[in-house]
């Protein structure tokens, strides 16, 4: 049996850093790192609960494997989207305005 104070403290630190990375950053890769920190905190929380809880309950172990699988799939999809965004815009700043695309033959409306 492990003492849960240190893993719970680490979960809190990882979750806090992940939320800060998601809310305060403008760069899409740093936001993705924040999401990964949150998923890592969730996995660590599930493992800690499984070790400190009742023996013989495989639910937390199955959920931990599910979180790891979701994190791996999320990284692949998010990096593909970020690569496409970089190729289209030339940067991955999430707060930058989208460029207006002008197609030939259409008149612009002046206000």
PDB file of N, CA and C in Angstrom:
ATOM      1  N   UNK A   1       0.851  -1.176   0.000  1.00  0.00           N
ATOM      2  CA  UNK A   1       0.000   0.000   0.000  1.00  0.00           C
ATOM      3  C   UNK A   1       0.897   1.239   0.000  1.00  0.00           C
ATOM      4  N   UNK A   2       0.589   2.191  -0.857  1.00  0.00           N
ATOM      5  CA  UNK A   2       1.391   3.413  -0.933  1.00  0.00           C
ATOM      6  C   UNK A   2       0.686   4.538  -0.182  1.00  0.00           C
ATOM      7  N   UNK A   3       1.466   5.535   0.191  1.00  0.00           N
ATOM      8  CA  UNK A   3       0.878   6.724   0.813  1.00  0.00           C
ATOM      9  C   UNK A   3       0.392   7.635  -0.309  1.00  0.00           C
ATOM     10  N   UNK A   4      -0.861   8.010  -0.306  1.00  0.00           N
ATOM     11  CA  UNK A   4      -1.403   8.735  -1.457  1.00  0.00           C
ATOM     12  C   UNK A   4      -1.116  10.237  -1.476  1.00  0.00           C
ATOM     13  N   UNK A   5      -0.493  10.786  -0.448  1.00  0.00           N
ATOM     14  CA  UNK A   5      -0.323  12.238  -0.398  1.00  0.00           C
ATOM     15  C   UNK A   5       0.571  12.744  -1.529  1.00  0.00           C
ATOM     16  N   UNK A   6       1.708  12.099  -1.761  1.00  0.00           N
ATOM     17  CA  UNK A   6       2.621  12.564  -2.793  1.00  0.00           C
ATOM     18  C   UNK A   6       2.049  12.405  -4.206  1.00  0.00           C
ATOM     19  N   UNK A   7       1.462  11.260  -4.571  1.00  0.00           N
ATOM     20  CA  UNK A   7       0.858  11.182  -5.909  1.00  0.00           C
ATOM     21  C   UNK A   7      -0.298  12.170  -6.104  1.00  0.00           C
ATOM     22  N   UNK A   8      -1.109  12.389  -5.074  1.00  0.00           N
ATOM     23  CA  UNK A   8      -2.195  13.363  -5.213  1.00  0.00           C
ATOM     24  C   UNK A   8      -1.640  14.777  -5.382  1.00  0.00           C
ATOM     25  N   UNK A   9      -0.551  15.095  -4.712  1.00  0.00           N
ATOM     26  CA  UNK A   9       0.089  16.399  -4.880  1.00  0.00           C
ATOM     27  C   UNK A   9       0.638  16.539  -6.297  1.00  0.00           C
ATOM     28  N   UNK A  10       1.247  15.479  -6.809  1.00  0.00           N
ATOM     29  CA  UNK A  10       1.762  15.507  -8.178  1.00  0.00           C
ATOM     30  C   UNK A  10       0.632  15.635  -9.191  1.00  0.00           C
ATOM     31  N   UNK A  11      -0.487  14.969  -8.938  1.00  0.00           N
ATOM     32  CA  UNK A  11      -1.655  15.104  -9.809  1.00  0.00           C
ATOM     33  C   UNK A  11      -2.144  16.549  -9.816  1.00  0.00           C
ATOM     34  N   UNK A  12      -2.187  17.166  -8.644  1.00  0.00           N
ATOM     35  CA  UNK A  12      -2.645  18.556  -8.562  1.00  0.00           C
ATOM     36  C   UNK A  12      -1.705  19.497  -9.311  1.00  0.00           C
ATOM     37  N   UNK A  13      -0.402  19.269  -9.190  1.00  0.00           N
ATOM     38  CA  UNK A  13       0.568  20.117  -9.896  1.00  0.00           C
ATOM     39  C   UNK A  13       0.457  19.920 -11.399  1.00  0.00           C
ATOM     40  N   UNK A  14       0.375  18.680 -11.855  1.00  0.00           N
ATOM     41  CA  UNK A  14       0.239  18.408 -13.286  1.00  0.00           C
ATOM     42  C   UNK A  14      -1.051  18.990 -13.852  1.00  0.00           C
ATOM     43  N   UNK A  15      -2.147  18.844 -13.121  1.00  0.00           N
ATOM     44  CA  UNK A  15      -3.418  19.379 -13.590  1.00  0.00           C
ATOM     45  C   UNK A  15      -3.383  20.908 -13.622  1.00  0.00           C
ATOM     46  N   UNK A  16      -2.784  21.524 -12.617  1.00  0.00           N
ATOM     47  CA  UNK A  16      -2.677  22.984 -12.602  1.00  0.00           C
ATOM     48  C   UNK A  16      -1.837  23.502 -13.749  1.00  0.00           C
ATOM     49  N   UNK A  17      -0.697  22.852 -14.014  1.00  0.00           N
ATOM     50  CA  UNK A  17       0.133  23.255 -15.146  1.00  0.00           C
ATOM     51  C   UNK A  17      -0.578  23.036 -16.481  1.00  0.00           C
ATOM     52  N   UNK A  18      -1.342  21.950 -16.565  1.00  0.00           N
ATOM     53  CA  UNK A  18      -2.084  21.684 -17.795  1.00  0.00           C
ATOM     54  C   UNK A  18      -3.165  22.717 -18.054  1.00  0.00           C
ATOM     55  N   UNK A  19      -3.897  23.081 -17.030  1.00  0.00           N
ATOM     56  CA  UNK A  19      -4.941  24.102 -17.187  1.00  0.00           C
ATOM     57  C   UNK A  19      -4.321  25.450 -17.528  1.00  0.00           C
ATOM     58  N   UNK A  20      -3.197  25.785 -16.877  1.00  0.00           N
ATOM     59  CA  UNK A  20      -2.503  27.029 -17.200  1.00  0.00           C
ATOM     60  C   UNK A  20      -2.024  27.017 -18.647  1.00  0.00           C
ATOM     61  N   UNK A  21      -1.484  25.889 -19.096  1.00  0.00           N
ATOM     62  CA  UNK A  21      -1.017  25.784 -20.473  1.00  0.00           C
ATOM     63  C   UNK A  21      -2.137  25.918 -21.487  1.00  0.00           C
ATOM     64  N   UNK A  22      -3.312  25.445 -21.147  1.00  0.00           N
ATOM     65  CA  UNK A  22      -4.446  25.552 -22.065  1.00  0.00           C
ATOM     66  C   UNK A  22      -5.003  26.969 -22.095  1.00  0.00           C
ATOM     67  N   UNK A  23      -5.144  27.589 -20.932  1.00  0.00           N
ATOM     68  CA  UNK A  23      -5.809  28.888 -20.858  1.00  0.00           C
ATOM     69  C   UNK A  23      -4.904  30.073 -21.172  1.00  0.00           C
ATOM     70  N   UNK A  24      -3.621  29.996 -20.855  1.00  0.00           N
ATOM     71  CA  UNK A  24      -2.769  31.177 -20.949  1.00  0.00           C
ATOM     72  C   UNK A  24      -1.889  31.208 -22.196  1.00  0.00           C
ATOM     73  N   UNK A  25      -1.789  30.140 -22.917  1.00  0.00           N
ATOM     74  CA  UNK A  25      -0.874  30.103 -24.054  1.00  0.00           C
ATOM     75  C   UNK A  25      -1.586  30.407 -25.358  1.00  0.00           C
ATOM     76  N   UNK A  26      -0.840  30.981 -26.289  1.00  0.00           N
ATOM     77  CA  UNK A  26      -1.374  31.308 -27.599  1.00  0.00           C
ATOM     78  C   UNK A  26      -0.890  30.331 -28.659  1.00  0.00           C
ATOM     79  N   UNK A  27       0.237  29.718 -28.427  1.00  0.00           N
ATOM     80  CA  UNK A  27       0.817  28.807 -29.400  1.00  0.00           C
ATOM     81  C   UNK A  27       0.115  27.452 -29.313  1.00  0.00           C
ATOM     82  N   UNK A  28      -0.296  26.922 -30.443  1.00  0.00           N
ATOM     83  CA  UNK A  28      -1.110  25.707 -30.462  1.00  0.00           C
ATOM     84  C   UNK A  28      -0.353  24.491 -29.919  1.00  0.00           C
ATOM     85  N   UNK A  29       0.943  24.425 -30.133  1.00  0.00           N
ATOM     86  CA  UNK A  29       1.714  23.284 -29.628  1.00  0.00           C
ATOM     87  C   UNK A  29       1.761  23.317 -28.104  1.00  0.00           C
ATOM     88  N   UNK A  30       1.879  24.501 -27.520  1.00  0.00           N
ATOM     89  CA  UNK A  30       1.890  24.613 -26.058  1.00  0.00           C
ATOM     90  C   UNK A  30       0.527  24.272 -25.464  1.00  0.00           C
ATOM     91  N   UNK A  31      -0.539  24.591 -26.176  1.00  0.00           N
ATOM     92  CA  UNK A  31      -1.875  24.187 -25.728  1.00  0.00           C
ATOM     93  C   UNK A  31      -1.990  22.666 -25.772  1.00  0.00           C
ATOM     94  N   UNK A  32      -1.444  22.062 -26.802  1.00  0.00           N
ATOM     95  CA  UNK A  32      -1.444  20.603 -26.910  1.00  0.00           C
ATOM     96  C   UNK A  32      -0.650  19.966 -25.766  1.00  0.00           C
ATOM     97  N   UNK A  33       0.457  20.573 -25.389  1.00  0.00           N
ATOM     98  CA  UNK A  33       1.234  20.072 -24.255  1.00  0.00           C
ATOM     99  C   UNK A  33       0.414  20.178 -22.967  1.00  0.00           C
ATOM    100  N   UNK A  34      -0.355  21.258 -22.821  1.00  0.00           N
ATOM    101  CA  UNK A  34      -1.230  21.403 -21.654  1.00  0.00           C
ATOM    102  C   UNK A  34      -2.282  20.310 -21.590  1.00  0.00           C
ATOM    103  N   UNK A  35      -2.843  19.967 -22.734  1.00  0.00           N
ATOM    104  CA  UNK A  35      -3.825  18.881 -22.776  1.00  0.00           C
ATOM    105  C   UNK A  35      -3.173  17.556 -22.397  1.00  0.00           C
ATOM    106  N   UNK A  36      -1.966  17.335 -22.871  1.00  0.00           N
ATOM    107  CA  UNK A  36      -1.250  16.103 -22.519  1.00  0.00           C
ATOM    108  C   UNK A  36      -0.931  16.049 -21.029  1.00  0.00           C
ATOM    109  N   UNK A  37      -0.610  17.186 -20.422  1.00  0.00           N
ATOM    110  CA  UNK A  37      -0.383  17.213 -18.982  1.00  0.00           C
ATOM    111  C   UNK A  37      -1.655  16.850 -18.216  1.00  0.00           C
ATOM    112  N   UNK A  38      -2.789  17.341 -18.685  1.00  0.00           N
ATOM    113  CA  UNK A  38      -4.057  16.980 -18.038  1.00  0.00           C
ATOM    114  C   UNK A  38      -4.350  15.490 -18.172  1.00  0.00           C
ATOM    115  N   UNK A  39      -4.097  14.939 -19.342  1.00  0.00           N
ATOM    116  CA  UNK A  39      -4.325  13.504 -19.515  1.00  0.00           C
ATOM    117  C   UNK A  39      -3.351  12.684 -18.678  1.00  0.00           C
ATOM    118  N   UNK A  40      -2.118  13.149 -18.543  1.00  0.00           N
ATOM    119  CA  UNK A  40      -1.159  12.470 -17.667  1.00  0.00           C
ATOM    120  C   UNK A  40      -1.585  12.520 -16.211  1.00  0.00           C
ATOM    121  N   UNK A  41      -2.133  13.672 -15.795  1.00  0.00           N
ATOM    122  CA  UNK A  41      -2.634  13.789 -14.424  1.00  0.00           C
ATOM    123  C   UNK A  41      -3.802  12.845 -14.192  1.00  0.00           C
ATOM    124  N   UNK A  42      -4.673  12.722 -15.192  1.00  0.00           N
ATOM    125  CA  UNK A  42      -5.804  11.799 -15.054  1.00  0.00           C
ATOM    126  C   UNK A  42      -5.327  10.353 -14.945  1.00  0.00           C
ATOM    127  N   UNK A  43      -4.338   9.986 -15.743  1.00  0.00           N
ATOM    128  CA  UNK A  43      -3.793   8.628 -15.658  1.00  0.00           C
ATOM    129  C   UNK A  43      -3.136   8.349 -14.320  1.00  0.00           C
ATOM    130  N   UNK A  44      -2.371   9.318 -13.833  1.00  0.00           N
ATOM    131  CA  UNK A  44      -1.733   9.144 -12.522  1.00  0.00           C
ATOM    132  C   UNK A  44      -2.771   9.062 -11.407  1.00  0.00           C
ATOM    133  N   UNK A  45      -3.823   9.846 -11.506  1.00  0.00           N
ATOM    134  CA  UNK A  45      -4.895   9.783 -10.512  1.00  0.00           C
ATOM    135  C   UNK A  45      -5.573   8.417 -10.519  1.00  0.00           C
ATOM    136  N   UNK A  46      -5.822   7.878 -11.693  1.00  0.00           N
ATOM    137  CA  UNK A  46      -6.448   6.561 -11.780  1.00  0.00           C
ATOM    138  C   UNK A  46      -5.540   5.474 -11.207  1.00  0.00           C
ATOM    139  N   UNK A  47      -4.246   5.545 -11.483  1.00  0.00           N
ATOM    140  CA  UNK A  47      -3.317   4.551 -10.939  1.00  0.00           C
ATOM    141  C   UNK A  47      -3.245   4.669  -9.422  1.00  0.00           C
ATOM    142  N   UNK A  48      -3.213   5.889  -8.909  1.00  0.00           N
ATOM    143  CA  UNK A  48      -3.150   6.083  -7.457  1.00  0.00           C
ATOM    144  C   UNK A  48      -4.401   5.566  -6.778  1.00  0.00           C
ATOM    145  N   UNK A  49      -5.548   5.837  -7.368  1.00  0.00           N
ATOM    146  CA  UNK A  49      -6.800   5.337  -6.789  1.00  0.00           C
ATOM    147  C   UNK A  49      -6.833   3.811  -6.829  1.00  0.00           C
ATOM    148  N   UNK A  50      -6.325   3.221  -7.899  1.00  0.00           N
ATOM    149  CA  UNK A  50      -6.306   1.758  -7.990  1.00  0.00           C
ATOM    150  C   UNK A  50      -5.392   1.139  -6.935  1.00  0.00           C
ATOM    151  N   UNK A  51      -4.279   1.807  -6.625  1.00  0.00           N
ATOM    152  CA  UNK A  51      -3.340   1.256  -5.647  1.00  0.00           C
ATOM    153  C   UNK A  51      -3.782   1.476  -4.211  1.00  0.00           C
ATOM    154  N   UNK A  52      -4.508   2.545  -3.956  1.00  0.00           N
ATOM    155  CA  UNK A  52      -4.925   2.837  -2.586  1.00  0.00           C
ATOM    156  C   UNK A  52      -6.322   2.316  -2.275  1.00  0.00           C
ATOM    157  N   UNK A  53      -7.067   1.941  -3.294  1.00  0.00           N
ATOM    158  CA  UNK A  53      -8.437   1.491  -3.090  1.00  0.00           C
ATOM    159  C   UNK A  53      -8.520   0.005  -2.813  1.00  0.00           C
ATOM    160  N   UNK A  54      -9.689  -0.527  -3.023  1.00  0.00           N
ATOM    161  CA  UNK A  54      -9.933  -1.948  -2.773  1.00  0.00           C
ATOM    162  C   UNK A  54      -9.174  -2.798  -3.784  1.00  0.00           C
ATOM    163  N   UNK A  55      -8.555  -3.857  -3.307  1.00  0.00           N
ATOM    164  CA  UNK A  55      -7.807  -4.759  -4.182  1.00  0.00           C
ATOM    165  C   UNK A  55      -8.775  -5.604  -5.009  1.00  0.00           C
ATOM    166  N   UNK A  56      -8.364  -5.920  -6.204  1.00  0.00           N
ATOM    167  CA  UNK A  56      -9.176  -6.784  -7.047  1.00  0.00           C
ATOM    168  C   UNK A  56     -10.139  -6.046  -7.949  1.00  0.00           C
ATOM    169  N   UNK A  57     -10.144  -4.719  -7.936  1.00  0.00           N
ATOM    170  CA  UNK A  57     -11.027  -3.950  -8.813  1.00  0.00           C
ATOM    171  C   UNK A  57     -10.220  -3.494 -10.028  1.00  0.00           C
ATOM    172  N   UNK A  58     -10.421  -4.127 -11.182  1.00  0.00           N
ATOM    173  CA  UNK A  58      -9.614  -3.772 -12.352  1.00  0.00           C
ATOM    174  C   UNK A  58     -10.143  -2.556 -13.114  1.00  0.00           C
ATOM    175  N   UNK A  59     -11.162  -1.904 -12.615  1.00  0.00           N
ATOM    176  CA  UNK A  59     -11.762  -0.781 -13.330  1.00  0.00           C
ATOM    177  C   UNK A  59     -10.805   0.375 -13.542  1.00  0.00           C
ATOM    178  N   UNK A  60     -10.031   0.729 -12.531  1.00  0.00           N
ATOM    179  CA  UNK A  60      -9.095   1.841 -12.659  1.00  0.00           C
ATOM    180  C   UNK A  60      -7.965   1.499 -13.623  1.00  0.00           C
ATOM    181  N   UNK A  61      -7.551   0.247 -13.653  1.00  0.00           N
ATOM    182  CA  UNK A  61      -6.494  -0.150 -14.579  1.00  0.00           C
ATOM    183  C   UNK A  61      -6.979  -0.082 -16.021  1.00  0.00           C
ATOM    184  N   UNK A  62      -8.202  -0.514 -16.250  1.00  0.00           N
ATOM    185  CA  UNK A  62      -8.769  -0.453 -17.594  1.00  0.00           C
ATOM    186  C   UNK A  62      -8.946   1.000 -18.022  1.00  0.00           C
ATOM    187  N   UNK A  63      -9.413   1.851 -17.123  1.00  0.00           N
ATOM    188  CA  UNK A  63      -9.570   3.271 -17.451  1.00  0.00           C
ATOM    189  C   UNK A  63      -8.230   3.938 -17.714  1.00  0.00           C
ATOM    190  N   UNK A  64      -7.191   3.531 -16.990  1.00  0.00           N
ATOM    191  CA  UNK A  64      -5.863   4.085 -17.225  1.00  0.00           C
ATOM    192  C   UNK A  64      -5.362   3.726 -18.617  1.00  0.00           C
ATOM    193  N   UNK A  65      -5.532   2.492 -19.022  1.00  0.00           N
ATOM    194  CA  UNK A  65      -5.158   2.096 -20.383  1.00  0.00           C
ATOM    195  C   UNK A  65      -5.981   2.846 -21.424  1.00  0.00           C
ATOM    196  N   UNK A  66      -7.248   3.091 -21.130  1.00  0.00           N
ATOM    197  CA  UNK A  66      -8.107   3.857 -22.029  1.00  0.00           C
ATOM    198  C   UNK A  66      -7.601   5.294 -22.152  1.00  0.00           C
ATOM    199  N   UNK A  67      -7.203   5.913 -21.049  1.00  0.00           N
ATOM    200  CA  UNK A  67      -6.679   7.285 -21.078  1.00  0.00           C
ATOM    201  C   UNK A  67      -5.383   7.346 -21.878  1.00  0.00           C
ATOM    202  N   UNK A  68      -4.516   6.362 -21.717  1.00  0.00           N
ATOM    203  CA  UNK A  68      -3.272   6.331 -22.475  1.00  0.00           C
ATOM    204  C   UNK A  68      -3.557   6.198 -23.965  1.00  0.00           C
ATOM    205  N   UNK A  69      -4.507   5.349 -24.327  1.00  0.00           N
ATOM    206  CA  UNK A  69      -4.875   5.170 -25.729  1.00  0.00           C
ATOM    207  C   UNK A  69      -5.462   6.443 -26.310  1.00  0.00           C
ATOM    208  N   UNK A  70      -6.353   7.096 -25.577  1.00  0.00           N
ATOM    209  CA  UNK A  70      -6.952   8.344 -26.040  1.00  0.00           C
ATOM    210  C   UNK A  70      -5.881   9.421 -26.190  1.00  0.00           C
ATOM    211  N   UNK A  71      -4.928   9.488 -25.262  1.00  0.00           N
ATOM    212  CA  UNK A  71      -3.858  10.486 -25.339  1.00  0.00           C
ATOM    213  C   UNK A  71      -3.005  10.275 -26.589  1.00  0.00           C
ATOM    214  N   UNK A  72      -2.698   9.028 -26.908  1.00  0.00           N
ATOM    215  CA  UNK A  72      -1.894   8.745 -28.095  1.00  0.00           C
ATOM    216  C   UNK A  72      -2.652   9.119 -29.369  1.00  0.00           C
ATOM    217  N   UNK A  73      -3.924   8.778 -29.439  1.00  0.00           N
ATOM    218  CA  UNK A  73      -4.722   9.122 -30.614  1.00  0.00           C
ATOM    219  C   UNK A  73      -4.900  10.642 -30.730  1.00  0.00           C
ATOM    220  N   UNK A  74      -5.069  11.305 -29.601  1.00  0.00           N
ATOM    221  CA  UNK A  74      -5.253  12.759 -29.609  1.00  0.00           C
ATOM    222  C   UNK A  74      -3.996  13.461 -30.099  1.00  0.00           C
ATOM    223  N   UNK A  75      -2.833  12.979 -29.732  1.00  0.00           N
ATOM    224  CA  UNK A  75      -1.586  13.590 -30.194  1.00  0.00           C
ATOM    225  C   UNK A  75      -1.449  13.458 -31.707  1.00  0.00           C
ATOM    226  N   UNK A  76      -1.754  12.296 -32.231  1.00  0.00           N
ATOM    227  CA  UNK A  76      -1.627  12.078 -33.670  1.00  0.00           C
ATOM    228  C   UNK A  76      -2.568  12.997 -34.439  1.00  0.00           C
ATOM    229  N   UNK A  77      -3.814  13.065 -34.040  1.00  0.00           N
ATOM    230  CA  UNK A  77      -4.790  13.898 -34.745  1.00  0.00           C
ATOM    231  C   UNK A  77      -4.456  15.381 -34.581  1.00  0.00           C
ATOM    232  N   UNK A  78      -4.095  15.798 -33.376  1.00  0.00           N
ATOM    233  CA  UNK A  78      -3.803  17.211 -33.138  1.00  0.00           C
ATOM    234  C   UNK A  78      -2.558  17.662 -33.896  1.00  0.00           C
ATOM    235  N   UNK A  79      -1.530  16.837 -33.952  1.00  0.00           N
ATOM    236  CA  UNK A  79      -0.342  17.223 -34.704  1.00  0.00           C
ATOM    237  C   UNK A  79      -0.615  17.282 -36.198  1.00  0.00           C
ATOM    238  N   UNK A  80      -1.477  16.419 -36.705  1.00  0.00           N
ATOM    239  CA  UNK A  80      -1.857  16.495 -38.114  1.00  0.00           C
ATOM    240  C   UNK A  80      -2.624  17.791 -38.401  1.00  0.00           C
ATOM    241  N   UNK A  81      -3.523  18.163 -37.501  1.00  0.00           N
ATOM    242  CA  UNK A  81      -4.267  19.410 -37.667  1.00  0.00           C
ATOM    243  C   UNK A  81      -3.328  20.615 -37.571  1.00  0.00           C
ATOM    244  N   UNK A  82      -2.393  20.582 -36.633  1.00  0.00           N
ATOM    245  CA  UNK A  82      -1.444  21.687 -36.488  1.00  0.00           C
ATOM    246  C   UNK A  82      -0.534  21.807 -37.708  1.00  0.00           C
ATOM    247  N   UNK A  83      -0.126  20.696 -38.284  1.00  0.00           N
ATOM    248  CA  UNK A  83       0.688  20.739 -39.483  1.00  0.00           C
ATOM    249  C   UNK A  83      -0.092  21.342 -40.647  1.00  0.00           C
ATOM    250  N   UNK A  84      -1.346  20.963 -40.796  1.00  0.00           N
ATOM    251  CA  UNK A  84      -2.179  21.545 -41.843  1.00  0.00           C
ATOM    252  C   UNK A  84      -2.415  23.039 -41.594  1.00  0.00           C
ATOM    253  N   UNK A  85      -2.604  23.419 -40.340  1.00  0.00           N
ATOM    254  CA  UNK A  85      -2.777  24.830 -39.990  1.00  0.00           C
ATOM    255  C   UNK A  85      -1.518  25.627 -40.293  1.00  0.00           C
ATOM    256  N   UNK A  86      -0.356  25.079 -39.996  1.00  0.00           N
ATOM    257  CA  UNK A  86       0.897  25.769 -40.283  1.00  0.00           C
ATOM    258  C   UNK A  86       1.111  25.916 -41.780  1.00  0.00           C
ATOM    259  N   UNK A  87       0.775  24.883 -42.526  1.00  0.00           N
ATOM    260  CA  UNK A  87       0.933  24.979 -43.984  1.00  0.00           C
ATOM    261  C   UNK A  87      -0.020  25.995 -44.596  1.00  0.00           C
ATOM    262  N   UNK A  88      -1.207  26.119 -44.042  1.00  0.00           N
ATOM    263  CA  UNK A  88      -2.184  27.049 -44.589  1.00  0.00           C
ATOM    264  C   UNK A  88      -1.919  28.492 -44.162  1.00  0.00           C
ATOM    265  N   UNK A  89      -1.533  28.706 -42.908  1.00  0.00           N
ATOM    266  CA  UNK A  89      -1.406  30.057 -42.375  1.00  0.00           C
ATOM    267  C   UNK A  89       0.025  30.526 -42.194  1.00  0.00           C
ATOM    268  N   UNK A  90       0.967  29.615 -42.067  1.00  0.00           N
ATOM    269  CA  UNK A  90       2.353  29.997 -41.855  1.00  0.00           C
ATOM    270  C   UNK A  90       2.716  30.168 -40.387  1.00  0.00           C
ATOM    271  N   UNK A  91       1.761  30.018 -39.498  1.00  0.00           N
ATOM    272  CA  UNK A  91       1.993  30.094 -38.055  1.00  0.00           C
ATOM    273  C   UNK A  91       0.907  29.293 -37.354  1.00  0.00           C
ATOM    274  N   UNK A  92       1.112  29.054 -36.069  1.00  0.00           N
ATOM    275  CA  UNK A  92       0.128  28.294 -35.303  1.00  0.00           C
ATOM    276  C   UNK A  92      -0.365  29.092 -34.099  1.00  0.00           C
ATOM    277  N   UNK A  93      -0.371  30.413 -34.225  1.00  0.00           N
ATOM    278  CA  UNK A  93      -0.890  31.285 -33.167  1.00  0.00           C
ATOM    279  C   UNK A  93      -2.410  31.186 -33.161  1.00  0.00           C
ATOM    280  N   UNK A  94      -2.985  30.768 -32.050  1.00  0.00           N
ATOM    281  CA  UNK A  94      -4.428  30.541 -31.985  1.00  0.00           C
ATOM    282  C   UNK A  94      -5.228  31.825 -31.864  1.00  0.00           C
ATOM    283  N   UNK A  95      -4.593  32.919 -31.447  1.00  0.00           N
ATOM    284  CA  UNK A  95      -5.315  34.169 -31.253  1.00  0.00           C
ATOM    285  C   UNK A  95      -5.199  35.111 -32.445  1.00  0.00           C
ATOM    286  N   UNK A  96      -4.445  34.727 -33.455  1.00  0.00           N
ATOM    287  CA  UNK A  96      -4.300  35.561 -34.640  1.00  0.00           C
ATOM    288  C   UNK A  96      -5.579  35.477 -35.466  1.00  0.00           C
ATOM    289  N   UNK A  97      -5.991  36.596 -36.061  1.00  0.00           N
ATOM    290  CA  UNK A  97      -7.212  36.551 -36.875  1.00  0.00           C
ATOM    291  C   UNK A  97      -6.985  35.740 -38.148  1.00  0.00           C
ATOM    292  N   UNK A  98      -8.046  35.132 -38.608  1.00  0.00           N
ATOM    293  CA  UNK A  98      -7.967  34.384 -39.860  1.00  0.00           C
ATOM    294  C   UNK A  98      -7.865  35.363 -41.017  1.00  0.00           C
ATOM    295  N   UNK A  99      -7.068  35.008 -42.021  1.00  0.00           N
ATOM    296  CA  UNK A  99      -6.925  35.872 -43.186  1.00  0.00           C
ATOM    297  C   UNK A  99      -8.176  35.775 -44.040  1.00  0.00           C
ATOM    298  N   UNK A 100      -8.567  36.911 -44.605  1.00  0.00           N
ATOM    299  CA  UNK A 100      -9.686  36.935 -45.538  1.00  0.00           C
ATOM    300  C   UNK A 100      -9.181  36.442 -46.888  1.00  0.00           C
ATOM    301  N   UNK A 101      -9.818  35.447 -47.418  1.00  0.00           N
ATOM    302  CA  UNK A 101      -9.411  34.931 -48.723  1.00  0.00           C
ATOM    303  C   UNK A 101     -10.227  35.647 -49.798  1.00  0.00           C
ATOM    304  N   UNK A 102      -9.532  36.216 -50.745  1.00  0.00           N
ATOM    305  CA  UNK A 102     -10.180  36.931 -51.844  1.00  0.00           C
ATOM    306  C   UNK A 102     -10.159  36.048 -53.071  1.00  0.00           C
ATOM    307  N   UNK A 103     -11.332  35.735 -53.592  1.00  0.00           N
ATOM    308  CA  UNK A 103     -11.407  34.953 -54.800  1.00  0.00           C
ATOM    309  C   UNK A 103     -11.622  35.897 -55.977  1.00  0.00           C
ATOM    310  N   UNK A 104     -10.971  35.632 -57.095  1.00  0.00           N
ATOM    311  CA  UNK A 104     -11.127  36.527 -58.248  1.00  0.00           C
ATOM    312  C   UNK A 104     -12.554  36.522 -58.765  1.00  0.00           C
ATOM    313  N   UNK A 105     -13.029  37.685 -59.159  1.00  0.00           N
ATOM    314  CA  UNK A 105     -14.370  37.801 -59.725  1.00  0.00           C
ATOM    315  C   UNK A 105     -15.433  38.187 -58.728  1.00  0.00           C
ATOM    316  N   UNK A 106     -15.092  38.298 -57.466  1.00  0.00           N
ATOM    317  CA  UNK A 106     -16.080  38.722 -56.476  1.00  0.00           C
ATOM    318  C   UNK A 106     -15.742  40.126 -56.035  1.00  0.00           C
ATOM    319  N   UNK A 107     -16.762  40.906 -55.865  1.00  0.00           N
ATOM    320  CA  UNK A 107     -16.578  42.295 -55.453  1.00  0.00           C
ATOM    321  C   UNK A 107     -16.621  42.372 -53.932  1.00  0.00           C
ATOM    322  N   UNK A 108     -15.749  43.230 -53.383  1.00  0.00           N
ATOM    323  CA  UNK A 108     -15.747  43.418 -51.946  1.00  0.00           C
ATOM    324  C   UNK A 108     -16.765  44.483 -51.570  1.00  0.00           C
ATOM    325  N   UNK A 109     -17.455  44.277 -50.487  1.00  0.00           N
ATOM    326  CA  UNK A 109     -18.457  45.214 -50.021  1.00  0.00           C
ATOM    327  C   UNK A 109     -17.794  46.194 -49.080  1.00  0.00           C
ATOM    328  N   UNK A 110     -17.949  47.499 -49.343  1.00  0.00           N
ATOM    329  CA  UNK A 110     -17.376  48.510 -48.469  1.00  0.00           C
ATOM    330  C   UNK A 110     -18.416  48.958 -47.467  1.00  0.00           C
ATOM    331  N   UNK A 111     -18.003  49.178 -46.250  1.00  0.00           N
ATOM    332  CA  UNK A 111     -18.925  49.635 -45.210  1.00  0.00           C
ATOM    333  C   UNK A 111     -18.598  51.030 -44.786  1.00  0.00           C
TER     334      UNK A 111
END
